[in-house]
Amino acid sequence: MTAYLLAVLFLALFALRVRRDRRRFGNGVLLGLAIASLTAGLLGELDRLPTGLTRMASGALPVVATVASVVTATFLVANGITMIRKEGGQPANLLSLGAGVGVFTLIALVLVALRTHSRPLHIATAAVLLPVGYLSFLLLCFVGYSLLYGWLTVRRPVDFVVVLGSGLINGSEVPPLLASRLDRALAVHRSQSARASSPTLVVSGGKGSDERSSESQAMADYLISRGVPLKQIAQEDRSTSTEENLEFSRSLMEQVRPGYRCVIVTNNFHVLRSALTARRAGVRGQVLGAPTAAYYWPSAMLREFAAVILSYRVVNVGMCALLVLLGVAGSWRS
């Protein structure tokens, strides 16, 4: 009963916080806690089953967890190989491969610890499992809430549609990743223009050291080639990061129209981190996601999750250190 009450409490808090501001990672954590509490309550119902079914279900749970872990690790390794083949071997493209190898290593560590009576190995396993479980829970919350947030639609009229930049190819050409953002922004612009005044498209991105033109100029050229009048495009050409994209775009919008409303467009894997950054930067608007190639999405989501976790590094490092100590202490006493 307690687990169900906790599930209702966490769900109510989630609903209240989402209503206040969707752009918080804590919303996803509350939703995750609600689901975890509900799951705990349902597992507690196993005691009410006949003895034979209870034993069968209890025996099946570790098997299901192991199979799910192996399937996840296999998928991540396969995706990592695809990323290397299609995108190259840069460190950012190795995340899914590294995560898959890490899961396989953890499974092996747990199986060996269960089959041996090595006290140091049991302590090491406990010290690793608790922080890994904590980070895995946060990852599920992040992915789940990213998908939920991505279902957001634009209902109110907006004054600006901000497109976040990304790197160019051949120094001046818009790559498919950035083109998908521009196409989504163009669709929003046309939809808004059909039922309200035409919003201004703000293209945001500076000039990289290996680029012949700024990202904003390449983005503007892309939109103009698709029929957008130059007067409906504003360029923010100084930024070099998502944080600067949003800060400089906010300044531009405030100068043109104080009290503005906007929508921000990026790729779907980047939606939640952009929303968190927009809230911190004081930008008055939500974030929409553009489609991304399926093979690219898992590694990109892991990169986004790592960036968010590092942005709260004090809390997360502290929690991981505490869980390591708890794991060591618990295993030492057993």
C-alpha atoms as a PDB file:
ATOM      1  CA  MET A   1       0.000   0.000   0.000  1.00  0.00           C
ATOM      2  CA  THR A   2       2.848   2.377   0.865  1.00  0.00           C
ATOM      3  CA  ALA A   3       4.404   1.897  -2.576  1.00  0.00           C
ATOM      4  CA  TYR A   4       1.132   2.826  -4.290  1.00  0.00           C
ATOM      5  CA  LEU A   5       0.742   5.938  -2.117  1.00  0.00           C
ATOM      6  CA  LEU A   6       4.289   6.984  -3.025  1.00  0.00           C
ATOM      7  CA  ALA A   7       3.504   6.431  -6.709  1.00  0.00           C
ATOM      8  CA  VAL A   8       0.471   8.721  -6.467  1.00  0.00           C
ATOM      9  CA  LEU A   9       2.468  11.346  -4.535  1.00  0.00           C
ATOM     10  CA  PHE A  10       5.337  11.380  -7.051  1.00  0.00           C
ATOM     11  CA  LEU A  11       2.898  11.485  -9.965  1.00  0.00           C
ATOM     12  CA  ALA A  12       1.038  14.438  -8.425  1.00  0.00           C
ATOM     13  CA  LEU A  13       4.311  16.304  -7.859  1.00  0.00           C
ATOM     14  CA  PHE A  14       5.306  15.535 -11.446  1.00  0.00           C
ATOM     15  CA  ALA A  15       2.045  16.966 -12.788  1.00  0.00           C
ATOM     16  CA  LEU A  16       2.377  20.133 -10.677  1.00  0.00           C
ATOM     17  CA  ARG A  17       5.978  20.756 -11.721  1.00  0.00           C
ATOM     18  CA  VAL A  18       5.251  20.127 -15.403  1.00  0.00           C
ATOM     19  CA  ARG A  19       2.389  22.588 -15.244  1.00  0.00           C
ATOM     20  CA  ARG A  20       4.736  25.167 -13.697  1.00  0.00           C
ATOM     21  CA  ASP A  21       7.678  24.571 -16.062  1.00  0.00           C
ATOM     22  CA  ARG A  22       8.288  21.625 -18.380  1.00  0.00           C
ATOM     23  CA  ARG A  23      11.962  22.478 -18.722  1.00  0.00           C
ATOM     24  CA  ARG A  24      13.318  20.687 -15.638  1.00  0.00           C
ATOM     25  CA  PHE A  25      15.172  17.383 -15.423  1.00  0.00           C
ATOM     26  CA  GLY A  26      13.655  16.912 -11.963  1.00  0.00           C
ATOM     27  CA  ASN A  27      10.298  16.361 -13.685  1.00  0.00           C
ATOM     28  CA  GLY A  28      11.695  13.247 -15.321  1.00  0.00           C
ATOM     29  CA  VAL A  29      13.129  12.022 -12.017  1.00  0.00           C
ATOM     30  CA  LEU A  30       9.734  12.403 -10.321  1.00  0.00           C
ATOM     31  CA  LEU A  31       8.068  10.461 -13.124  1.00  0.00           C
ATOM     32  CA  GLY A  32      10.735   7.773 -12.796  1.00  0.00           C
ATOM     33  CA  LEU A  33      10.174   7.563  -9.039  1.00  0.00           C
ATOM     34  CA  ALA A  34       6.409   7.222  -9.617  1.00  0.00           C
ATOM     35  CA  ILE A  35       6.957   4.344 -12.045  1.00  0.00           C
ATOM     36  CA  ALA A  36       9.517   2.708  -9.743  1.00  0.00           C
ATOM     37  CA  SER A  37       7.126   2.937  -6.772  1.00  0.00           C
ATOM     38  CA  LEU A  38       4.288   1.456  -8.821  1.00  0.00           C
ATOM     39  CA  THR A  39       6.570  -1.366  -9.969  1.00  0.00           C
ATOM     40  CA  ALA A  40       7.597  -2.067  -6.363  1.00  0.00           C
ATOM     41  CA  GLY A  41       3.939  -2.224  -5.377  1.00  0.00           C
ATOM     42  CA  LEU A  42       3.135  -4.663  -8.167  1.00  0.00           C
ATOM     43  CA  LEU A  43       6.106  -6.871  -7.258  1.00  0.00           C
ATOM     44  CA  GLY A  44       4.876  -6.870  -3.680  1.00  0.00           C
ATOM     45  CA  GLU A  45       1.656  -8.470  -4.928  1.00  0.00           C
ATOM     46  CA  LEU A  46       3.646 -11.626  -5.769  1.00  0.00           C
ATOM     47  CA  ASP A  47       3.330 -12.705  -2.123  1.00  0.00           C
ATOM     48  CA  ARG A  48      -0.409 -13.075  -2.642  1.00  0.00           C
ATOM     49  CA  LEU A  49       0.008 -15.628  -5.421  1.00  0.00           C
ATOM     50  CA  PRO A  50      -0.022 -19.377  -4.745  1.00  0.00           C
ATOM     51  CA  THR A  51       3.354 -20.630  -3.482  1.00  0.00           C
ATOM     52  CA  GLY A  52       4.278 -22.320  -6.743  1.00  0.00           C
ATOM     53  CA  LEU A  53       3.576 -19.250  -8.837  1.00  0.00           C
ATOM     54  CA  THR A  54       5.438 -17.036  -6.358  1.00  0.00           C
ATOM     55  CA  ARG A  55       8.548 -19.187  -6.638  1.00  0.00           C
ATOM     56  CA  MET A  56       8.252 -19.278 -10.421  1.00  0.00           C
ATOM     57  CA  ALA A  57       7.895 -15.515 -10.674  1.00  0.00           C
ATOM     58  CA  SER A  58      10.717 -14.896  -8.193  1.00  0.00           C
ATOM     59  CA  GLY A  59      13.004 -17.202 -10.146  1.00  0.00           C
ATOM     60  CA  ALA A  60      12.062 -15.614 -13.459  1.00  0.00           C
ATOM     61  CA  LEU A  61      12.876 -12.036 -12.421  1.00  0.00           C
ATOM     62  CA  PRO A  62      16.692 -12.461 -12.302  1.00  0.00           C
ATOM     63  CA  VAL A  63      16.589 -14.305 -15.627  1.00  0.00           C
ATOM     64  CA  VAL A  64      14.530 -11.547 -17.266  1.00  0.00           C
ATOM     65  CA  ALA A  65      16.869  -8.879 -15.849  1.00  0.00           C
ATOM     66  CA  THR A  66      19.935 -10.722 -17.142  1.00  0.00           C
ATOM     67  CA  VAL A  67      18.457 -11.290 -20.606  1.00  0.00           C
ATOM     68  CA  ALA A  68      17.383  -7.642 -20.813  1.00  0.00           C
ATOM     69  CA  SER A  69      20.897  -6.531 -19.836  1.00  0.00           C
ATOM     70  CA  VAL A  70      22.516  -8.795 -22.453  1.00  0.00           C
ATOM     71  CA  VAL A  71      20.120  -7.606 -25.167  1.00  0.00           C
ATOM     72  CA  THR A  72      20.781  -3.956 -24.234  1.00  0.00           C
ATOM     73  CA  ALA A  73      24.560  -4.475 -24.240  1.00  0.00           C
ATOM     74  CA  THR A  74      24.432  -6.270 -27.594  1.00  0.00           C
ATOM     75  CA  PHE A  75      22.374  -3.463 -29.111  1.00  0.00           C
ATOM     76  CA  LEU A  76      24.765  -0.812 -27.796  1.00  0.00           C
ATOM     77  CA  VAL A  77      27.832  -2.610 -29.149  1.00  0.00           C
ATOM     78  CA  ALA A  78      26.173  -3.090 -32.551  1.00  0.00           C
ATOM     79  CA  ASN A  79      25.144   0.560 -32.599  1.00  0.00           C
ATOM     80  CA  GLY A  80      28.667   1.605 -31.638  1.00  0.00           C
ATOM     81  CA  ILE A  81      30.102  -0.340 -34.571  1.00  0.00           C
ATOM     82  CA  THR A  82      27.570   1.317 -36.891  1.00  0.00           C
ATOM     83  CA  MET A  83      28.505   4.742 -35.540  1.00  0.00           C
ATOM     84  CA  ILE A  84      32.205   4.133 -36.187  1.00  0.00           C
ATOM     85  CA  ARG A  85      31.495   2.844 -39.682  1.00  0.00           C
ATOM     86  CA  LYS A  86      29.266   5.787 -40.634  1.00  0.00           C
ATOM     87  CA  GLU A  87      30.596   8.679 -38.552  1.00  0.00           C
ATOM     88  CA  GLY A  88      34.220   7.778 -37.828  1.00  0.00           C
ATOM     89  CA  GLY A  89      36.121   6.897 -34.678  1.00  0.00           C
ATOM     90  CA  GLN A  90      36.015  10.228 -32.856  1.00  0.00           C
ATOM     91  CA  PRO A  91      35.585   9.895 -29.057  1.00  0.00           C
ATOM     92  CA  ALA A  92      31.989  11.189 -29.172  1.00  0.00           C
ATOM     93  CA  ASN A  93      31.070   8.352 -31.537  1.00  0.00           C
ATOM     94  CA  LEU A  94      32.374   5.660 -29.176  1.00  0.00           C
ATOM     95  CA  LEU A  95      29.860   6.235 -26.387  1.00  0.00           C
ATOM     96  CA  SER A  96      27.359   3.494 -27.278  1.00  0.00           C
ATOM     97  CA  LEU A  97      30.185   0.999 -27.908  1.00  0.00           C
ATOM     98  CA  GLY A  98      31.804   1.881 -24.579  1.00  0.00           C
ATOM     99  CA  ALA A  99      28.463   1.624 -22.767  1.00  0.00           C
ATOM    100  CA  GLY A 100      27.781  -1.807 -24.290  1.00  0.00           C
ATOM    101  CA  VAL A 101      31.215  -3.114 -23.329  1.00  0.00           C
ATOM    102  CA  GLY A 102      30.682  -1.672 -19.841  1.00  0.00           C
ATOM    103  CA  VAL A 103      27.377  -3.522 -19.429  1.00  0.00           C
ATOM    104  CA  PHE A 104      28.950  -6.812 -20.555  1.00  0.00           C
ATOM    105  CA  THR A 105      31.821  -6.250 -18.096  1.00  0.00           C
ATOM    106  CA  LEU A 106      29.379  -5.567 -15.263  1.00  0.00           C
ATOM    107  CA  ILE A 107      27.363  -8.708 -16.056  1.00  0.00           C
ATOM    108  CA  ALA A 108      30.552 -10.773 -16.025  1.00  0.00           C
ATOM    109  CA  LEU A 109      31.628  -9.209 -12.725  1.00  0.00           C
ATOM    110  CA  VAL A 110      28.295 -10.033 -11.069  1.00  0.00           C
ATOM    111  CA  LEU A 111      28.273 -13.630 -12.360  1.00  0.00           C
ATOM    112  CA  VAL A 112      31.829 -14.262 -11.190  1.00  0.00           C
ATOM    113  CA  ALA A 113      31.073 -12.716  -7.777  1.00  0.00           C
ATOM    114  CA  LEU A 114      28.031 -14.971  -7.381  1.00  0.00           C
ATOM    115  CA  ARG A 115      30.037 -18.097  -8.194  1.00  0.00           C
ATOM    116  CA  THR A 116      33.002 -17.362  -5.942  1.00  0.00           C
ATOM    117  CA  HIS A 117      33.517 -16.712  -2.255  1.00  0.00           C
ATOM    118  CA  SER A 118      36.036 -13.905  -2.698  1.00  0.00           C
ATOM    119  CA  ARG A 119      35.281 -11.223  -0.127  1.00  0.00           C
ATOM    120  CA  PRO A 120      37.239  -8.499  -1.965  1.00  0.00           C
ATOM    121  CA  LEU A 121      35.362  -9.305  -5.177  1.00  0.00           C
ATOM    122  CA  HIS A 122      32.003  -9.118  -3.397  1.00  0.00           C
ATOM    123  CA  ILE A 123      32.956  -5.742  -1.913  1.00  0.00           C
ATOM    124  CA  ALA A 124      34.118  -4.426  -5.295  1.00  0.00           C
ATOM    125  CA  THR A 125      30.922  -5.630  -6.969  1.00  0.00           C
ATOM    126  CA  ALA A 126      28.710  -3.974  -4.375  1.00  0.00           C
ATOM    127  CA  ALA A 127      30.737  -0.763  -4.630  1.00  0.00           C
ATOM    128  CA  VAL A 128      30.186  -0.701  -8.400  1.00  0.00           C
ATOM    129  CA  LEU A 129      26.552  -1.833  -8.582  1.00  0.00           C
ATOM    130  CA  LEU A 130      24.986   0.910  -6.456  1.00  0.00           C
ATOM    131  CA  PRO A 131      26.370   3.943  -8.352  1.00  0.00           C
ATOM    132  CA  VAL A 132      25.775   2.177 -11.676  1.00  0.00           C
ATOM    133  CA  GLY A 133      22.180   1.538 -10.628  1.00  0.00           C
ATOM    134  CA  TYR A 134      21.796   5.200  -9.662  1.00  0.00           C
ATOM    135  CA  LEU A 135      23.168   6.444 -12.992  1.00  0.00           C
ATOM    136  CA  SER A 136      21.103   3.880 -14.923  1.00  0.00           C
ATOM    137  CA  PHE A 137      17.943   5.110 -13.205  1.00  0.00           C
ATOM    138  CA  LEU A 138      18.801   8.708 -14.092  1.00  0.00           C
ATOM    139  CA  LEU A 139      19.502   7.665 -17.691  1.00  0.00           C
ATOM    140  CA  LEU A 140      16.078   6.009 -17.968  1.00  0.00           C
ATOM    141  CA  CYS A 141      14.480   9.137 -16.486  1.00  0.00           C
ATOM    142  CA  PHE A 142      16.375  11.319 -18.956  1.00  0.00           C
ATOM    143  CA  VAL A 143      15.474   9.248 -22.017  1.00  0.00           C
ATOM    144  CA  GLY A 144      11.853   8.795 -20.952  1.00  0.00           C
ATOM    145  CA  TYR A 145      11.283  12.458 -20.188  1.00  0.00           C
ATOM    146  CA  SER A 146      13.105  13.496 -23.371  1.00  0.00           C
ATOM    147  CA  LEU A 147      10.640  11.421 -25.386  1.00  0.00           C
ATOM    148  CA  LEU A 148       7.689  12.796 -23.417  1.00  0.00           C
ATOM    149  CA  TYR A 149       8.894  16.390 -23.773  1.00  0.00           C
ATOM    150  CA  GLY A 150       9.447  15.808 -27.484  1.00  0.00           C
ATOM    151  CA  TRP A 151       5.703  15.303 -27.985  1.00  0.00           C
ATOM    152  CA  LEU A 152       5.188  18.989 -27.223  1.00  0.00           C
ATOM    153  CA  THR A 153       3.373  20.948 -29.915  1.00  0.00           C
ATOM    154  CA  VAL A 154       3.201  24.695 -30.518  1.00  0.00           C
ATOM    155  CA  ARG A 155      -0.313  25.942 -29.784  1.00  0.00           C
ATOM    156  CA  ARG A 156       0.168  29.641 -29.073  1.00  0.00           C
ATOM    157  CA  PRO A 157       1.367  32.237 -31.582  1.00  0.00           C
ATOM    158  CA  VAL A 158       5.070  32.983 -31.266  1.00  0.00           C
ATOM    159  CA  ASP A 159       7.165  35.962 -32.305  1.00  0.00           C
ATOM    160  CA  PHE A 160      10.330  34.022 -33.118  1.00  0.00           C
ATOM    161  CA  VAL A 161      11.398  30.557 -34.242  1.00  0.00           C
ATOM    162  CA  VAL A 162      14.988  30.018 -33.104  1.00  0.00           C
ATOM    163  CA  VAL A 163      17.086  27.381 -34.905  1.00  0.00           C
ATOM    164  CA  LEU A 164      20.167  26.187 -33.032  1.00  0.00           C
ATOM    165  CA  GLY A 165      23.248  25.774 -35.207  1.00  0.00           C
ATOM    166  CA  SER A 166      25.597  22.832 -35.688  1.00  0.00           C
ATOM    167  CA  GLY A 167      28.770  22.259 -37.662  1.00  0.00           C
ATOM    168  CA  LEU A 168      28.882  22.734 -41.434  1.00  0.00           C
ATOM    169  CA  ILE A 169      30.399  20.360 -43.995  1.00  0.00           C
ATOM    170  CA  ASN A 170      32.979  21.465 -46.550  1.00  0.00           C
ATOM    171  CA  GLY A 171      33.244  24.713 -44.629  1.00  0.00           C
ATOM    172  CA  SER A 172      29.969  26.221 -45.818  1.00  0.00           C
ATOM    173  CA  GLU A 173      27.334  23.539 -46.555  1.00  0.00           C
ATOM    174  CA  VAL A 174      24.387  22.602 -44.349  1.00  0.00           C
ATOM    175  CA  PRO A 175      24.662  18.913 -43.316  1.00  0.00           C
ATOM    176  CA  PRO A 176      21.608  16.612 -43.043  1.00  0.00           C
ATOM    177  CA  LEU A 177      21.508  16.997 -39.239  1.00  0.00           C
ATOM    178  CA  LEU A 178      21.189  20.778 -39.494  1.00  0.00           C
ATOM    179  CA  ALA A 179      18.904  20.562 -42.524  1.00  0.00           C
ATOM    180  CA  SER A 180      16.397  18.568 -40.459  1.00  0.00           C
ATOM    181  CA  ARG A 181      16.318  21.396 -37.897  1.00  0.00           C
ATOM    182  CA  LEU A 182      15.792  24.007 -40.592  1.00  0.00           C
ATOM    183  CA  ASP A 183      13.041  21.962 -42.254  1.00  0.00           C
ATOM    184  CA  ARG A 184      11.214  21.584 -38.926  1.00  0.00           C
ATOM    185  CA  ALA A 185      11.596  25.302 -38.223  1.00  0.00           C
ATOM    186  CA  LEU A 186      10.287  26.098 -41.694  1.00  0.00           C
ATOM    187  CA  ALA A 187       7.237  23.888 -41.088  1.00  0.00           C
ATOM    188  CA  VAL A 188       6.553  25.684 -37.780  1.00  0.00           C
ATOM    189  CA  HIS A 189       7.015  29.067 -39.472  1.00  0.00           C
ATOM    190  CA  ARG A 190       4.523  28.191 -42.217  1.00  0.00           C
ATOM    191  CA  SER A 191       2.025  26.779 -39.727  1.00  0.00           C
ATOM    192  CA  GLN A 192       2.247  29.921 -37.590  1.00  0.00           C
ATOM    193  CA  SER A 193       1.994  32.183 -40.653  1.00  0.00           C
ATOM    194  CA  ALA A 194      -1.180  30.424 -41.762  1.00  0.00           C
ATOM    195  CA  ARG A 195      -3.044  31.288 -38.540  1.00  0.00           C
ATOM    196  CA  ALA A 196      -1.213  34.279 -37.092  1.00  0.00           C
ATOM    197  CA  SER A 197       1.388  36.883 -37.983  1.00  0.00           C
ATOM    198  CA  SER A 198       4.586  35.469 -39.471  1.00  0.00           C
ATOM    199  CA  PRO A 199       7.256  34.907 -36.794  1.00  0.00           C
ATOM    200  CA  THR A 200      10.871  35.844 -37.450  1.00  0.00           C
ATOM    201  CA  LEU A 201      13.261  32.948 -38.018  1.00  0.00           C
ATOM    202  CA  VAL A 202      16.379  33.377 -35.866  1.00  0.00           C
ATOM    203  CA  VAL A 203      19.298  31.305 -37.151  1.00  0.00           C
ATOM    204  CA  SER A 204      21.968  30.953 -34.495  1.00  0.00           C
ATOM    205  CA  GLY A 205      25.578  29.894 -34.966  1.00  0.00           C
ATOM    206  CA  GLY A 206      28.991  31.480 -35.310  1.00  0.00           C
ATOM    207  CA  LYS A 207      31.937  30.691 -37.576  1.00  0.00           C
ATOM    208  CA  GLY A 208      34.129  27.740 -36.620  1.00  0.00           C
ATOM    209  CA  SER A 209      37.867  27.696 -37.206  1.00  0.00           C
ATOM    210  CA  ASP A 210      37.414  25.211 -40.068  1.00  0.00           C
ATOM    211  CA  GLU A 211      34.435  26.968 -41.663  1.00  0.00           C
ATOM    212  CA  ARG A 212      34.450  29.518 -44.475  1.00  0.00           C
ATOM    213  CA  SER A 213      31.178  31.139 -43.389  1.00  0.00           C
ATOM    214  CA  SER A 214      29.195  31.343 -40.181  1.00  0.00           C
ATOM    215  CA  GLU A 215      26.632  28.661 -39.482  1.00  0.00           C
ATOM    216  CA  SER A 216      23.936  31.330 -39.314  1.00  0.00           C
ATOM    217  CA  GLN A 217      24.782  32.537 -42.839  1.00  0.00           C
ATOM    218  CA  ALA A 218      24.648  29.001 -44.253  1.00  0.00           C
ATOM    219  CA  MET A 219      21.336  28.456 -42.458  1.00  0.00           C
ATOM    220  CA  ALA A 220      19.921  31.731 -43.796  1.00  0.00           C
ATOM    221  CA  ASP A 221      20.969  30.793 -47.338  1.00  0.00           C
ATOM    222  CA  TYR A 222      19.232  27.408 -46.908  1.00  0.00           C
ATOM    223  CA  LEU A 223      15.963  29.071 -45.821  1.00  0.00           C
ATOM    224  CA  ILE A 224      16.106  31.709 -48.564  1.00  0.00           C
ATOM    225  CA  SER A 225      16.563  28.964 -51.167  1.00  0.00           C
ATOM    226  CA  ARG A 226      13.284  27.513 -49.901  1.00  0.00           C
ATOM    227  CA  GLY A 227      11.310  30.707 -50.305  1.00  0.00           C
ATOM    228  CA  VAL A 228      11.687  32.507 -46.965  1.00  0.00           C
ATOM    229  CA  PRO A 229      12.003  36.285 -47.490  1.00  0.00           C
ATOM    230  CA  LEU A 230      15.243  37.771 -46.173  1.00  0.00           C
ATOM    231  CA  LYS A 231      13.287  40.242 -43.993  1.00  0.00           C
ATOM    232  CA  GLN A 232      11.822  37.312 -42.025  1.00  0.00           C
ATOM    233  CA  ILE A 233      15.285  35.998 -41.054  1.00  0.00           C
ATOM    234  CA  ALA A 234      17.526  37.311 -38.263  1.00  0.00           C
ATOM    235  CA  GLN A 235      21.079  36.076 -37.818  1.00  0.00           C
ATOM    236  CA  GLU A 236      22.910  35.499 -34.557  1.00  0.00           C
ATOM    237  CA  ASP A 237      26.462  34.852 -35.763  1.00  0.00           C
ATOM    238  CA  ARG A 238      28.635  35.017 -32.609  1.00  0.00           C
ATOM    239  CA  SER A 239      27.815  31.840 -30.693  1.00  0.00           C
ATOM    240  CA  THR A 240      30.047  28.768 -30.386  1.00  0.00           C
ATOM    241  CA  SER A 241      27.907  26.565 -28.092  1.00  0.00           C
ATOM    242  CA  THR A 242      24.302  25.797 -27.213  1.00  0.00           C
ATOM    243  CA  GLU A 243      24.587  28.073 -24.183  1.00  0.00           C
ATOM    244  CA  GLU A 244      25.743  30.987 -26.334  1.00  0.00           C
ATOM    245  CA  ASN A 245      23.162  30.145 -29.046  1.00  0.00           C
ATOM    246  CA  LEU A 246      20.425  30.719 -26.499  1.00  0.00           C
ATOM    247  CA  GLU A 247      21.953  33.629 -24.579  1.00  0.00           C
ATOM    248  CA  PHE A 248      22.750  35.662 -27.700  1.00  0.00           C
ATOM    249  CA  SER A 249      19.422  34.799 -29.350  1.00  0.00           C
ATOM    250  CA  ARG A 250      17.602  35.924 -26.190  1.00  0.00           C
ATOM    251  CA  SER A 251      19.388  39.279 -26.323  1.00  0.00           C
ATOM    252  CA  LEU A 252      18.483  39.685 -29.990  1.00  0.00           C
ATOM    253  CA  MET A 253      14.810  38.881 -29.373  1.00  0.00           C
ATOM    254  CA  GLU A 254      14.563  41.154 -26.337  1.00  0.00           C
ATOM    255  CA  GLN A 255      15.939  44.067 -28.348  1.00  0.00           C
ATOM    256  CA  VAL A 256      13.434  43.538 -31.158  1.00  0.00           C
ATOM    257  CA  ARG A 257      10.386  42.703 -29.042  1.00  0.00           C
ATOM    258  CA  PRO A 258      10.434  42.842 -25.231  1.00  0.00           C
ATOM    259  CA  GLY A 259       8.057  40.278 -23.753  1.00  0.00           C
ATOM    260  CA  TYR A 260       8.476  38.043 -26.828  1.00  0.00           C
ATOM    261  CA  ARG A 261       7.402  34.419 -27.105  1.00  0.00           C
ATOM    262  CA  CYS A 262       9.474  31.950 -29.085  1.00  0.00           C
ATOM    263  CA  VAL A 263       9.943  28.321 -29.964  1.00  0.00           C
ATOM    264  CA  ILE A 264      13.394  26.749 -30.251  1.00  0.00           C
ATOM    265  CA  VAL A 265      14.180  24.036 -32.804  1.00  0.00           C
ATOM    266  CA  THR A 266      16.952  21.475 -32.523  1.00  0.00           C
ATOM    267  CA  ASN A 267      17.268  17.715 -33.111  1.00  0.00           C
ATOM    268  CA  ASN A 268      15.158  15.336 -31.045  1.00  0.00           C
ATOM    269  CA  PHE A 269      18.109  13.929 -29.063  1.00  0.00           C
ATOM    270  CA  HIS A 270      19.070  17.493 -28.058  1.00  0.00           C
ATOM    271  CA  VAL A 271      15.617  18.674 -26.987  1.00  0.00           C
ATOM    272  CA  LEU A 272      15.718  18.183 -23.236  1.00  0.00           C
ATOM    273  CA  ARG A 273      19.232  19.556 -22.656  1.00  0.00           C
ATOM    274  CA  SER A 274      18.367  22.568 -24.824  1.00  0.00           C
ATOM    275  CA  ALA A 275      15.205  23.100 -22.772  1.00  0.00           C
ATOM    276  CA  LEU A 276      17.184  22.961 -19.514  1.00  0.00           C
ATOM    277  CA  THR A 277      19.717  25.423 -20.925  1.00  0.00           C
ATOM    278  CA  ALA A 278      16.947  27.715 -22.207  1.00  0.00           C
ATOM    279  CA  ARG A 279      15.399  27.856 -18.737  1.00  0.00           C
ATOM    280  CA  ARG A 280      18.742  28.761 -17.151  1.00  0.00           C
ATOM    281  CA  ALA A 281      19.348  31.395 -19.847  1.00  0.00           C
ATOM    282  CA  GLY A 282      15.938  32.976 -19.239  1.00  0.00           C
ATOM    283  CA  VAL A 283      14.627  32.305 -22.754  1.00  0.00           C
ATOM    284  CA  ARG A 284      10.839  32.581 -23.017  1.00  0.00           C
ATOM    285  CA  GLY A 285      10.028  29.500 -25.049  1.00  0.00           C
ATOM    286  CA  GLN A 286       9.842  25.733 -25.323  1.00  0.00           C
ATOM    287  CA  VAL A 287      11.922  23.437 -27.552  1.00  0.00           C
ATOM    288  CA  LEU A 288      10.840  21.295 -30.498  1.00  0.00           C
ATOM    289  CA  GLY A 289      12.793  18.372 -31.940  1.00  0.00           C
ATOM    290  CA  ALA A 290      13.590  17.518 -35.541  1.00  0.00           C
ATOM    291  CA  PRO A 291      14.060  13.912 -36.724  1.00  0.00           C
ATOM    292  CA  THR A 292      17.493  12.291 -36.455  1.00  0.00           C
ATOM    293  CA  ALA A 293      18.843   9.180 -38.183  1.00  0.00           C
ATOM    294  CA  ALA A 294      17.964   6.136 -36.032  1.00  0.00           C
ATOM    295  CA  TYR A 295      21.543   4.861 -35.837  1.00  0.00           C
ATOM    296  CA  TYR A 296      22.761   8.253 -34.544  1.00  0.00           C
ATOM    297  CA  TRP A 297      20.182   8.647 -31.783  1.00  0.00           C
ATOM    298  CA  PRO A 298      21.482   6.234 -29.062  1.00  0.00           C
ATOM    299  CA  SER A 299      25.035   7.582 -29.005  1.00  0.00           C
ATOM    300  CA  ALA A 300      23.781  11.165 -29.182  1.00  0.00           C
ATOM    301  CA  MET A 301      21.413  10.574 -26.251  1.00  0.00           C
ATOM    302  CA  LEU A 302      24.247   9.153 -24.164  1.00  0.00           C
ATOM    303  CA  ARG A 303      26.310  12.247 -24.956  1.00  0.00           C
ATOM    304  CA  GLU A 304      23.428  14.524 -23.959  1.00  0.00           C
ATOM    305  CA  PHE A 305      22.882  12.594 -20.737  1.00  0.00           C
ATOM    306  CA  ALA A 306      26.561  12.826 -19.832  1.00  0.00           C
ATOM    307  CA  ALA A 307      26.484  16.586 -20.419  1.00  0.00           C
ATOM    308  CA  VAL A 308      23.436  17.010 -18.157  1.00  0.00           C
ATOM    309  CA  ILE A 309      24.915  14.833 -15.403  1.00  0.00           C
ATOM    310  CA  LEU A 310      28.150  16.844 -15.513  1.00  0.00           C
ATOM    311  CA  SER A 311      26.180  20.074 -15.253  1.00  0.00           C
ATOM    312  CA  TYR A 312      25.029  18.805 -11.819  1.00  0.00           C
ATOM    313  CA  ARG A 313      28.415  17.262 -11.030  1.00  0.00           C
ATOM    314  CA  VAL A 314      28.556  18.194  -7.350  1.00  0.00           C
ATOM    315  CA  VAL A 315      25.286  16.416  -6.531  1.00  0.00           C
ATOM    316  CA  ASN A 316      25.953  13.399  -8.736  1.00  0.00           C
ATOM    317  CA  VAL A 317      29.572  12.874  -7.704  1.00  0.00           C
ATOM    318  CA  GLY A 318      28.490  13.174  -4.082  1.00  0.00           C
ATOM    319  CA  MET A 319      25.688  10.636  -4.563  1.00  0.00           C
ATOM    320  CA  CYS A 320      27.972   8.172  -6.361  1.00  0.00           C
ATOM    321  CA  ALA A 321      30.615   8.471  -3.638  1.00  0.00           C
ATOM    322  CA  LEU A 322      27.988   7.901  -0.937  1.00  0.00           C
ATOM    323  CA  LEU A 323      26.625   4.840  -2.760  1.00  0.00           C
ATOM    324  CA  VAL A 324      30.122   3.397  -3.125  1.00  0.00           C
ATOM    325  CA  LEU A 325      30.630   3.757   0.634  1.00  0.00           C
ATOM    326  CA  LEU A 326      27.244   2.191   1.358  1.00  0.00           C
ATOM    327  CA  GLY A 327      28.015  -0.696  -0.970  1.00  0.00           C
ATOM    328  CA  VAL A 328      31.381  -1.313   0.655  1.00  0.00           C
ATOM    329  CA  ALA A 329      29.942  -1.057   4.184  1.00  0.00           C
ATOM    330  CA  GLY A 330      26.996  -3.338   3.427  1.00  0.00           C
ATOM    331  CA  SER A 331      29.155  -5.966   1.750  1.00  0.00           C
ATOM    332  CA  TRP A 332      31.766  -5.779   4.505  1.00  0.00           C
ATOM    333  CA  ARG A 333      29.221  -6.609   7.201  1.00  0.00           C
ATOM    334  CA  SER A 334      27.561  -9.447   5.301  1.00  0.00           C
END
